[in-house]
Amino acid sequence: MRRLLPLLLMVPLFACGVDGDPVPPPAKAKPGVTLTGEASIGIVSQ
């Protein structure tokens, strides 16, 4: 059991790189808020 424990702890490391080279995450959208449109309160006639 003592010999098996270190092996079991290293199993997640054995899988590193199995699916190929690491790929960086996609670029995030630039932060910011854009508002467009109209707002009105009360009685409006157009």
PDB file of N, CA and C in Angstrom:
ATOM      1  N   MET A   1       0.826  -1.197   0.000  1.00  0.00           N
ATOM      2  CA  MET A   1       0.000   0.000   0.000  1.00  0.00           C
ATOM      3  C   MET A   1       0.868   1.258   0.000  1.00  0.00           C
ATOM      4  N   ARG A   2       1.988   1.217   0.706  1.00  0.00           N
ATOM      5  CA  ARG A   2       2.854   2.394   0.767  1.00  0.00           C
ATOM      6  C   ARG A   2       3.457   2.701  -0.597  1.00  0.00           C
ATOM      7  N   ARG A   3       3.715   1.693  -1.397  1.00  0.00           N
ATOM      8  CA  ARG A   3       4.278   1.917  -2.730  1.00  0.00           C
ATOM      9  C   ARG A   3       3.202   2.390  -3.704  1.00  0.00           C
ATOM     10  N   LEU A   4       1.997   2.005  -3.467  1.00  0.00           N
ATOM     11  CA  LEU A   4       0.899   2.355  -4.360  1.00  0.00           C
ATOM     12  C   LEU A   4       0.437   3.797  -4.166  1.00  0.00           C
ATOM     13  N   LEU A   5       0.505   4.311  -2.967  1.00  0.00           N
ATOM     14  CA  LEU A   5       0.030   5.660  -2.672  1.00  0.00           C
ATOM     15  C   LEU A   5       0.763   6.739  -3.479  1.00  0.00           C
ATOM     16  N   PRO A   6       2.100   6.758  -3.527  1.00  0.00           N
ATOM     17  CA  PRO A   6       2.766   7.783  -4.353  1.00  0.00           C
ATOM     18  C   PRO A   6       2.401   7.671  -5.828  1.00  0.00           C
ATOM     19  N   LEU A   7       2.219   6.467  -6.306  1.00  0.00           N
ATOM     20  CA  LEU A   7       1.833   6.266  -7.700  1.00  0.00           C
ATOM     21  C   LEU A   7       0.450   6.848  -7.961  1.00  0.00           C
ATOM     22  N   LEU A   8      -0.476   6.622  -7.055  1.00  0.00           N
ATOM     23  CA  LEU A   8      -1.830   7.151  -7.215  1.00  0.00           C
ATOM     24  C   LEU A   8      -1.852   8.671  -7.128  1.00  0.00           C
ATOM     25  N   LEU A   9      -0.966   9.247  -6.338  1.00  0.00           N
ATOM     26  CA  LEU A   9      -0.912  10.700  -6.230  1.00  0.00           C
ATOM     27  C   LEU A   9      -0.328  11.341  -7.483  1.00  0.00           C
ATOM     28  N   MET A  10       0.454  10.586  -8.244  1.00  0.00           N
ATOM     29  CA  MET A  10       1.085  11.129  -9.447  1.00  0.00           C
ATOM     30  C   MET A  10       0.271  10.876 -10.712  1.00  0.00           C
ATOM     31  N   VAL A  11      -0.784  10.079 -10.629  1.00  0.00           N
ATOM     32  CA  VAL A  11      -1.594   9.757 -11.808  1.00  0.00           C
ATOM     33  C   VAL A  11      -2.117  11.007 -12.515  1.00  0.00           C
ATOM     34  N   PRO A  12      -2.617  12.037 -11.812  1.00  0.00           N
ATOM     35  CA  PRO A  12      -3.073  13.239 -12.540  1.00  0.00           C
ATOM     36  C   PRO A  12      -1.953  13.902 -13.337  1.00  0.00           C
ATOM     37  N   LEU A  13      -0.723  13.802 -12.867  1.00  0.00           N
ATOM     38  CA  LEU A  13       0.388  14.409 -13.592  1.00  0.00           C
ATOM     39  C   LEU A  13       0.736  13.625 -14.852  1.00  0.00           C
ATOM     40  N   PHE A  14       0.460  12.341 -14.863  1.00  0.00           N
ATOM     41  CA  PHE A  14       0.766  11.524 -16.032  1.00  0.00           C
ATOM     42  C   PHE A  14      -0.071  11.946 -17.230  1.00  0.00           C
ATOM     43  N   ALA A  15      -1.241  12.475 -17.004  1.00  0.00           N
ATOM     44  CA  ALA A  15      -2.145  12.838 -18.091  1.00  0.00           C
ATOM     45  C   ALA A  15      -1.814  14.197 -18.695  1.00  0.00           C
ATOM     46  N   CYS A  16      -0.904  14.952 -18.113  1.00  0.00           N
ATOM     47  CA  CYS A  16      -0.564  16.273 -18.643  1.00  0.00           C
ATOM     48  C   CYS A  16       0.026  16.138 -20.040  1.00  0.00           C
ATOM     49  N   GLY A  17      -0.502  16.890 -20.972  1.00  0.00           N
ATOM     50  CA  GLY A  17       0.023  16.878 -22.327  1.00  0.00           C
ATOM     51  C   GLY A  17      -0.516  15.770 -23.203  1.00  0.00           C
ATOM     52  N   VAL A  18      -1.435  14.970 -22.724  1.00  0.00           N
ATOM     53  CA  VAL A  18      -1.965  13.868 -23.520  1.00  0.00           C
ATOM     54  C   VAL A  18      -2.737  14.382 -24.725  1.00  0.00           C
ATOM     55  N   ASP A  19      -3.459  15.488 -24.570  1.00  0.00           N
ATOM     56  CA  ASP A  19      -4.294  16.003 -25.653  1.00  0.00           C
ATOM     57  C   ASP A  19      -3.560  16.990 -26.550  1.00  0.00           C
ATOM     58  N   GLY A  20      -2.264  17.132 -26.413  1.00  0.00           N
ATOM     59  CA  GLY A  20      -1.494  18.007 -27.294  1.00  0.00           C
ATOM     60  C   GLY A  20      -0.923  19.198 -26.549  1.00  0.00           C
ATOM     61  N   ASP A  21      -0.367  20.114 -27.324  1.00  0.00           N
ATOM     62  CA  ASP A  21       0.224  21.312 -26.742  1.00  0.00           C
ATOM     63  C   ASP A  21      -0.855  22.190 -26.121  1.00  0.00           C
ATOM     64  N   PRO A  22      -0.503  22.957 -25.106  1.00  0.00           N
ATOM     65  CA  PRO A  22      -1.482  23.848 -24.493  1.00  0.00           C
ATOM     66  C   PRO A  22      -1.909  24.950 -25.457  1.00  0.00           C
ATOM     67  N   VAL A  23      -3.173  25.315 -25.383  1.00  0.00           N
ATOM     68  CA  VAL A  23      -3.737  26.355 -26.246  1.00  0.00           C
ATOM     69  C   VAL A  23      -4.197  27.499 -25.350  1.00  0.00           C
ATOM     70  N   PRO A  24      -3.782  28.734 -25.654  1.00  0.00           N
ATOM     71  CA  PRO A  24      -4.218  29.849 -24.811  1.00  0.00           C
ATOM     72  C   PRO A  24      -5.720  30.084 -24.953  1.00  0.00           C
ATOM     73  N   PRO A  25      -6.353  30.624 -23.926  1.00  0.00           N
ATOM     74  CA  PRO A  25      -7.789  30.900 -24.011  1.00  0.00           C
ATOM     75  C   PRO A  25      -8.060  32.011 -25.016  1.00  0.00           C
ATOM     76  N   PRO A  26      -9.272  32.062 -25.565  1.00  0.00           N
ATOM     77  CA  PRO A  26      -9.601  33.125 -26.523  1.00  0.00           C
ATOM     78  C   PRO A  26      -9.541  34.498 -25.857  1.00  0.00           C
ATOM     79  N   ALA A  27      -9.272  35.506 -26.661  1.00  0.00           N
ATOM     80  CA  ALA A  27      -9.181  36.872 -26.140  1.00  0.00           C
ATOM     81  C   ALA A  27     -10.542  37.310 -25.602  1.00  0.00           C
ATOM     82  N   LYS A  28     -10.521  37.991 -24.491  1.00  0.00           N
ATOM     83  CA  LYS A  28     -11.765  38.466 -23.886  1.00  0.00           C
ATOM     84  C   LYS A  28     -12.200  39.757 -24.566  1.00  0.00           C
ATOM     85  N   ALA A  29     -13.493  39.990 -24.537  1.00  0.00           N
ATOM     86  CA  ALA A  29     -14.026  41.240 -25.076  1.00  0.00           C
ATOM     87  C   ALA A  29     -13.569  42.393 -24.189  1.00  0.00           C
ATOM     88  N   LYS A  30     -13.394  43.542 -24.793  1.00  0.00           N
ATOM     89  CA  LYS A  30     -12.970  44.706 -24.023  1.00  0.00           C
ATOM     90  C   LYS A  30     -14.098  45.122 -23.080  1.00  0.00           C
ATOM     91  N   PRO A  31     -13.761  45.430 -21.837  1.00  0.00           N
ATOM     92  CA  PRO A  31     -14.811  45.841 -20.901  1.00  0.00           C
ATOM     93  C   PRO A  31     -15.364  47.215 -21.260  1.00  0.00           C
ATOM     94  N   GLY A  32     -16.608  47.398 -20.996  1.00  0.00           N
ATOM     95  CA  GLY A  32     -17.242  48.682 -21.267  1.00  0.00           C
ATOM     96  C   GLY A  32     -18.737  48.503 -21.425  1.00  0.00           C
ATOM     97  N   VAL A  33     -19.448  49.596 -21.377  1.00  0.00           N
ATOM     98  CA  VAL A  33     -20.896  49.571 -21.503  1.00  0.00           C
ATOM     99  C   VAL A  33     -21.282  50.510 -22.628  1.00  0.00           C
ATOM    100  N   THR A  34     -22.135  50.029 -23.521  1.00  0.00           N
ATOM    101  CA  THR A  34     -22.638  50.850 -24.613  1.00  0.00           C
ATOM    102  C   THR A  34     -24.154  50.860 -24.531  1.00  0.00           C
ATOM    103  N   LEU A  35     -24.732  52.043 -24.467  1.00  0.00           N
ATOM    104  CA  LEU A  35     -26.180  52.182 -24.415  1.00  0.00           C
ATOM    105  C   LEU A  35     -26.648  52.930 -25.647  1.00  0.00           C
ATOM    106  N   THR A  36     -27.697  52.428 -26.266  1.00  0.00           N
ATOM    107  CA  THR A  36     -28.304  53.113 -27.403  1.00  0.00           C
ATOM    108  C   THR A  36     -29.811  53.040 -27.255  1.00  0.00           C
ATOM    109  N   GLY A  37     -30.521  53.958 -27.878  1.00  0.00           N
ATOM    110  CA  GLY A  37     -31.973  53.929 -27.852  1.00  0.00           C
ATOM    111  C   GLY A  37     -32.557  55.199 -27.278  1.00  0.00           C
ATOM    112  N   GLU A  38     -33.856  55.123 -26.941  1.00  0.00           N
ATOM    113  CA  GLU A  38     -34.575  56.275 -26.410  1.00  0.00           C
ATOM    114  C   GLU A  38     -35.267  55.889 -25.118  1.00  0.00           C
ATOM    115  N   ALA A  39     -35.428  56.863 -24.258  1.00  0.00           N
ATOM    116  CA  ALA A  39     -36.186  56.670 -23.030  1.00  0.00           C
ATOM    117  C   ALA A  39     -37.122  57.854 -22.871  1.00  0.00           C
ATOM    118  N   SER A  40     -38.345  57.580 -22.456  1.00  0.00           N
ATOM    119  CA  SER A  40     -39.297  58.675 -22.261  1.00  0.00           C
ATOM    120  C   SER A  40     -40.214  58.339 -21.096  1.00  0.00           C
ATOM    121  N   ILE A  41     -40.684  59.390 -20.445  1.00  0.00           N
ATOM    122  CA  ILE A  41     -41.562  59.232 -19.293  1.00  0.00           C
ATOM    123  C   ILE A  41     -42.786  60.116 -19.511  1.00  0.00           C
ATOM    124  N   GLY A  42     -43.934  59.598 -19.174  1.00  0.00           N
ATOM    125  CA  GLY A  42     -45.152  60.394 -19.278  1.00  0.00           C
ATOM    126  C   GLY A  42     -45.855  60.157 -20.602  1.00  0.00           C
ATOM    127  N   ILE A  43     -46.608  61.164 -21.058  1.00  0.00           N
ATOM    128  CA  ILE A  43     -47.378  61.071 -22.294  1.00  0.00           C
ATOM    129  C   ILE A  43     -46.495  61.542 -23.440  1.00  0.00           C
ATOM    130  N   VAL A  44     -46.375  60.696 -24.422  1.00  0.00           N
ATOM    131  CA  VAL A  44     -45.500  61.011 -25.561  1.00  0.00           C
ATOM    132  C   VAL A  44     -46.302  60.864 -26.837  1.00  0.00           C
ATOM    133  N   SER A  45     -46.227  61.844 -27.705  1.00  0.00           N
ATOM    134  CA  SER A  45     -46.859  61.726 -29.018  1.00  0.00           C
ATOM    135  C   SER A  45     -45.778  61.904 -30.074  1.00  0.00           C
ATOM    136  N   GLN A  46     -45.882  61.084 -31.079  1.00  0.00           N
ATOM    137  CA  GLN A  46     -44.867  61.168 -32.137  1.00  0.00           C
ATOM    138  C   GLN A  46     -45.498  61.489 -33.456  1.00  0.00           C
TER     139      GLN A  46
END
